[in-house]
Every structure is written in C-alpha cells, then in structure tokens.
Amino acid sequence: MLVSLLLFTGVGIAGACGSVARYLLGRIIMEHMKGSFPWGTFVINVTGAWCIGLVFALAGQHVLSKELQTVLATGFLGGYTTFSTMHWEGVQLMRGGRRFQGIFYLIVTYMLGLSMEAVGMWLGWEITR
C-alpha cells in the first residue's frame, strides 16, 4: 500500500513537472520562431517521443526499475507531451484555410514521433550493451 501511494505521488509530481517543462519550453520556442506553424508543440512531442523510447529501452534492459519507468513515462513525459494540443492545432490550421500545412503538421509529427521513439529505444539498447 505504501509503495502504491509513493508511486502514485511520484507520478503526480512528475506529471506536474512535465507540464511546467512543456509550458516553459513551448513559450521559449514560440518566442524565437516566426509564422503560424506550431513549432513549440511539434518540438515537444518529437523530443517526448524520443525520451519515451529511451525510457522503455532502459527499463527493458533493467537499467531503470518499473517504478521509475512509470514515474518518467506516465508522469513526466505524460505531462510533457501534448498530442491533444497537436490535434487541435492541426485542425485550427485546416479551418484557417491552411489545409496542406495542417495535414502536413499532423502527418510529420506522427511519423517523426514514431521515428524518434525508435531512435530513443535503439540508443537505450546501445547504452546498455
């Protein structure tokens, strides 16, 4: 029971930290990028996908405990990534008359996210060799 409570608390705290990291990084990126493309969300989701691949690979190689995997993947990275915002931004681009840009944004984010997750997993496996 105590372990479950500690894990629950850890996931909550890590999720809050991930949300704050997403907010701060997103603002920094958008302050430096021009145009209507949602670069902040794009960078956050792609780097989050890479990180989750790395976390799962390290946990699979027993470098990280299952508890730490849960705190990092479900907590921090769950708070950090924002696929619901990505979907909303893609639809807003399309509704604003930029259909190609909206579709491109959604497709490239998914494809690059999957690719970066694979790279993160590969790196995790290589680190533990």
C-alpha atoms as a PDB file:
ATOM      1  CA  MET A   1       0.000   0.000   0.000  1.00  0.00           C
ATOM      2  CA  LEU A   2       2.809   2.431   0.879  1.00  0.00           C
ATOM      3  CA  VAL A   3       4.654   1.614  -2.353  1.00  0.00           C
ATOM      4  CA  SER A   4       1.468   2.269  -4.350  1.00  0.00           C
ATOM      5  CA  LEU A   5       0.963   5.597  -2.575  1.00  0.00           C
ATOM      6  CA  LEU A   6       4.579   6.610  -3.203  1.00  0.00           C
ATOM      7  CA  LEU A   7       4.317   5.619  -6.867  1.00  0.00           C
ATOM      8  CA  PHE A   8       1.028   7.481  -7.227  1.00  0.00           C
ATOM      9  CA  THR A   9       2.577  10.573  -5.641  1.00  0.00           C
ATOM     10  CA  GLY A  10       5.698  10.285  -7.797  1.00  0.00           C
ATOM     11  CA  VAL A  11       3.645  10.071 -10.991  1.00  0.00           C
ATOM     12  CA  GLY A  12       1.624  13.122  -9.952  1.00  0.00           C
ATOM     13  CA  ILE A  13       4.658  15.232  -9.081  1.00  0.00           C
ATOM     14  CA  ALA A  14       6.497  14.156 -12.234  1.00  0.00           C
ATOM     15  CA  GLY A  15       3.408  14.934 -14.332  1.00  0.00           C
ATOM     16  CA  ALA A  16       3.258  18.425 -12.867  1.00  0.00           C
ATOM     17  CA  CYS A  17       6.964  18.924 -13.624  1.00  0.00           C
ATOM     18  CA  GLY A  18       6.468  17.680 -17.193  1.00  0.00           C
ATOM     19  CA  SER A  19       3.588  20.103 -17.702  1.00  0.00           C
ATOM     20  CA  VAL A  20       5.669  23.021 -16.454  1.00  0.00           C
ATOM     21  CA  ALA A  21       8.571  21.953 -18.692  1.00  0.00           C
ATOM     22  CA  ARG A  22       6.198  21.793 -21.684  1.00  0.00           C
ATOM     23  CA  TYR A  23       4.814  25.240 -20.934  1.00  0.00           C
ATOM     24  CA  LEU A  24       8.225  26.867 -20.497  1.00  0.00           C
ATOM     25  CA  LEU A  25       9.886  25.203 -23.493  1.00  0.00           C
ATOM     26  CA  GLY A  26       6.863  25.874 -25.685  1.00  0.00           C
ATOM     27  CA  ARG A  27       6.946  29.568 -24.813  1.00  0.00           C
ATOM     28  CA  ILE A  28      10.695  29.826 -25.409  1.00  0.00           C
ATOM     29  CA  ILE A  29      10.411  28.140 -28.802  1.00  0.00           C
ATOM     30  CA  MET A  30       7.445  30.226 -29.931  1.00  0.00           C
ATOM     31  CA  GLU A  31       9.161  33.464 -28.873  1.00  0.00           C
ATOM     32  CA  HIS A  32      12.029  32.641 -31.237  1.00  0.00           C
ATOM     33  CA  MET A  33      10.081  31.184 -34.168  1.00  0.00           C
ATOM     34  CA  LYS A  34       8.084  33.251 -36.620  1.00  0.00           C
ATOM     35  CA  GLY A  35       4.961  32.268 -38.508  1.00  0.00           C
ATOM     36  CA  SER A  36       1.825  30.331 -37.718  1.00  0.00           C
ATOM     37  CA  PHE A  37       3.335  26.834 -37.585  1.00  0.00           C
ATOM     38  CA  PRO A  38       3.073  25.404 -34.027  1.00  0.00           C
ATOM     39  CA  TRP A  39       6.801  24.744 -33.576  1.00  0.00           C
ATOM     40  CA  GLY A  40       6.593  24.558 -29.781  1.00  0.00           C
ATOM     41  CA  THR A  41       4.173  21.636 -29.716  1.00  0.00           C
ATOM     42  CA  PHE A  42       5.996  19.964 -32.601  1.00  0.00           C
ATOM     43  CA  VAL A  43       9.391  20.044 -30.843  1.00  0.00           C
ATOM     44  CA  ILE A  44       7.883  18.969 -27.525  1.00  0.00           C
ATOM     45  CA  ASN A  45       6.069  15.956 -28.976  1.00  0.00           C
ATOM     46  CA  VAL A  46       9.045  14.793 -31.051  1.00  0.00           C
ATOM     47  CA  THR A  47      11.516  15.094 -28.160  1.00  0.00           C
ATOM     48  CA  GLY A  48       8.983  13.465 -25.840  1.00  0.00           C
ATOM     49  CA  ALA A  49       8.657  10.515 -28.226  1.00  0.00           C
ATOM     50  CA  TRP A  50      12.452  10.152 -28.277  1.00  0.00           C
ATOM     51  CA  CYS A  51      12.592  10.258 -24.485  1.00  0.00           C
ATOM     52  CA  ILE A  52       9.848   7.680 -24.033  1.00  0.00           C
ATOM     53  CA  GLY A  53      11.629   5.310 -26.408  1.00  0.00           C
ATOM     54  CA  LEU A  54      14.802   5.724 -24.365  1.00  0.00           C
ATOM     55  CA  VAL A  55      12.953   5.181 -21.064  1.00  0.00           C
ATOM     56  CA  PHE A  56      11.272   1.997 -22.292  1.00  0.00           C
ATOM     57  CA  ALA A  57      14.518   0.605 -23.700  1.00  0.00           C
ATOM     58  CA  LEU A  58      16.411   1.307 -20.473  1.00  0.00           C
ATOM     59  CA  ALA A  59      13.610  -0.243 -18.429  1.00  0.00           C
ATOM     60  CA  GLY A  60      13.574  -3.250 -20.752  1.00  0.00           C
ATOM     61  CA  GLN A  61      17.305  -3.704 -20.123  1.00  0.00           C
ATOM     62  CA  HIS A  62      16.676  -3.399 -16.349  1.00  0.00           C
ATOM     63  CA  VAL A  63      18.693  -0.180 -16.093  1.00  0.00           C
ATOM     64  CA  LEU A  64      15.562   1.570 -14.807  1.00  0.00           C
ATOM     65  CA  SER A  65      13.116  -0.013 -12.388  1.00  0.00           C
ATOM     66  CA  LYS A  66       9.491  -0.464 -13.435  1.00  0.00           C
ATOM     67  CA  GLU A  67       8.565   2.158 -10.835  1.00  0.00           C
ATOM     68  CA  LEU A  68      10.984   4.716 -12.265  1.00  0.00           C
ATOM     69  CA  GLN A  69       9.761   3.859 -15.764  1.00  0.00           C
ATOM     70  CA  THR A  70       6.212   4.597 -14.614  1.00  0.00           C
ATOM     71  CA  VAL A  71       7.190   7.896 -12.986  1.00  0.00           C
ATOM     72  CA  LEU A  72       9.172   9.030 -16.041  1.00  0.00           C
ATOM     73  CA  ALA A  73       6.924   7.729 -18.844  1.00  0.00           C
ATOM     74  CA  THR A  74       3.449   8.139 -17.375  1.00  0.00           C
ATOM     75  CA  GLY A  75       4.284  11.047 -15.091  1.00  0.00           C
ATOM     76  CA  PHE A  76       6.867  13.399 -16.563  1.00  0.00           C
ATOM     77  CA  LEU A  77       6.530  12.515 -20.250  1.00  0.00           C
ATOM     78  CA  GLY A  78       2.752  12.205 -19.962  1.00  0.00           C
ATOM     79  CA  GLY A  79       2.697  15.779 -18.694  1.00  0.00           C
ATOM     80  CA  TYR A  80       5.372  16.936 -21.133  1.00  0.00           C
ATOM     81  CA  THR A  81       3.898  15.676 -24.407  1.00  0.00           C
ATOM     82  CA  THR A  82       0.653  17.093 -25.677  1.00  0.00           C
ATOM     83  CA  PHE A  83      -0.931  15.207 -28.510  1.00  0.00           C
ATOM     84  CA  SER A  84      -4.356  16.695 -27.768  1.00  0.00           C
ATOM     85  CA  THR A  85      -2.922  20.175 -28.374  1.00  0.00           C
ATOM     86  CA  MET A  86      -1.258  18.899 -31.541  1.00  0.00           C
ATOM     87  CA  HIS A  87      -4.604  17.664 -32.867  1.00  0.00           C
ATOM     88  CA  TRP A  88      -6.305  20.954 -32.022  1.00  0.00           C
ATOM     89  CA  GLU A  89      -3.554  22.991 -33.694  1.00  0.00           C
ATOM     90  CA  GLY A  90      -3.701  20.830 -36.820  1.00  0.00           C
ATOM     91  CA  VAL A  91      -7.456  21.297 -37.093  1.00  0.00           C
ATOM     92  CA  GLN A  92      -7.119  25.048 -36.493  1.00  0.00           C
ATOM     93  CA  LEU A  93      -4.591  25.303 -39.320  1.00  0.00           C
ATOM     94  CA  MET A  94      -7.004  23.482 -41.641  1.00  0.00           C
ATOM     95  CA  ARG A  95     -10.009  25.543 -40.541  1.00  0.00           C
ATOM     96  CA  GLY A  96      -7.980  28.704 -41.097  1.00  0.00           C
ATOM     97  CA  GLY A  97      -7.540  27.876 -44.773  1.00  0.00           C
ATOM     98  CA  ARG A  98      -4.124  26.231 -44.421  1.00  0.00           C
ATOM     99  CA  ARG A  99      -5.231  22.659 -45.101  1.00  0.00           C
ATOM    100  CA  PHE A 100      -1.935  21.463 -46.512  1.00  0.00           C
ATOM    101  CA  GLN A 101       0.017  22.912 -43.578  1.00  0.00           C
ATOM    102  CA  GLY A 102      -2.401  21.332 -41.066  1.00  0.00           C
ATOM    103  CA  ILE A 103      -2.277  17.904 -42.691  1.00  0.00           C
ATOM    104  CA  PHE A 104       1.496  18.151 -43.115  1.00  0.00           C
ATOM    105  CA  TYR A 105       1.890  19.086 -39.442  1.00  0.00           C
ATOM    106  CA  LEU A 106      -0.163  16.127 -38.221  1.00  0.00           C
ATOM    107  CA  ILE A 107       1.426  13.551 -40.538  1.00  0.00           C
ATOM    108  CA  VAL A 108       5.008  14.726 -39.991  1.00  0.00           C
ATOM    109  CA  THR A 109       4.536  14.883 -36.212  1.00  0.00           C
ATOM    110  CA  TYR A 110       3.240  11.309 -36.120  1.00  0.00           C
ATOM    111  CA  MET A 111       5.913   9.962 -38.459  1.00  0.00           C
ATOM    112  CA  LEU A 112       8.790  11.822 -36.828  1.00  0.00           C
ATOM    113  CA  GLY A 113       7.451  10.929 -33.382  1.00  0.00           C
ATOM    114  CA  LEU A 114       7.442   7.220 -34.236  1.00  0.00           C
ATOM    115  CA  SER A 115      10.905   7.514 -35.765  1.00  0.00           C
ATOM    116  CA  MET A 116      12.317   9.348 -32.763  1.00  0.00           C
ATOM    117  CA  GLU A 117      10.802   6.803 -30.383  1.00  0.00           C
ATOM    118  CA  ALA A 118      12.590   4.080 -32.348  1.00  0.00           C
ATOM    119  CA  VAL A 119      15.859   6.056 -32.202  1.00  0.00           C
ATOM    120  CA  GLY A 120      15.433   6.507 -28.450  1.00  0.00           C
ATOM    121  CA  MET A 121      14.857   2.771 -27.985  1.00  0.00           C
ATOM    122  CA  TRP A 122      17.865   1.943 -30.145  1.00  0.00           C
ATOM    123  CA  LEU A 123      20.021   4.338 -28.112  1.00  0.00           C
ATOM    124  CA  GLY A 124      18.795   2.802 -24.868  1.00  0.00           C
ATOM    125  CA  TRP A 125      19.698  -0.669 -26.092  1.00  0.00           C
ATOM    126  CA  GLU A 126      23.113   0.516 -27.285  1.00  0.00           C
ATOM    127  CA  ILE A 127      23.860   2.234 -23.975  1.00  0.00           C
ATOM    128  CA  THR A 128      23.205  -0.978 -22.064  1.00  0.00           C
ATOM    129  CA  ARG A 129      25.327  -3.284 -24.217  1.00  0.00           C
END
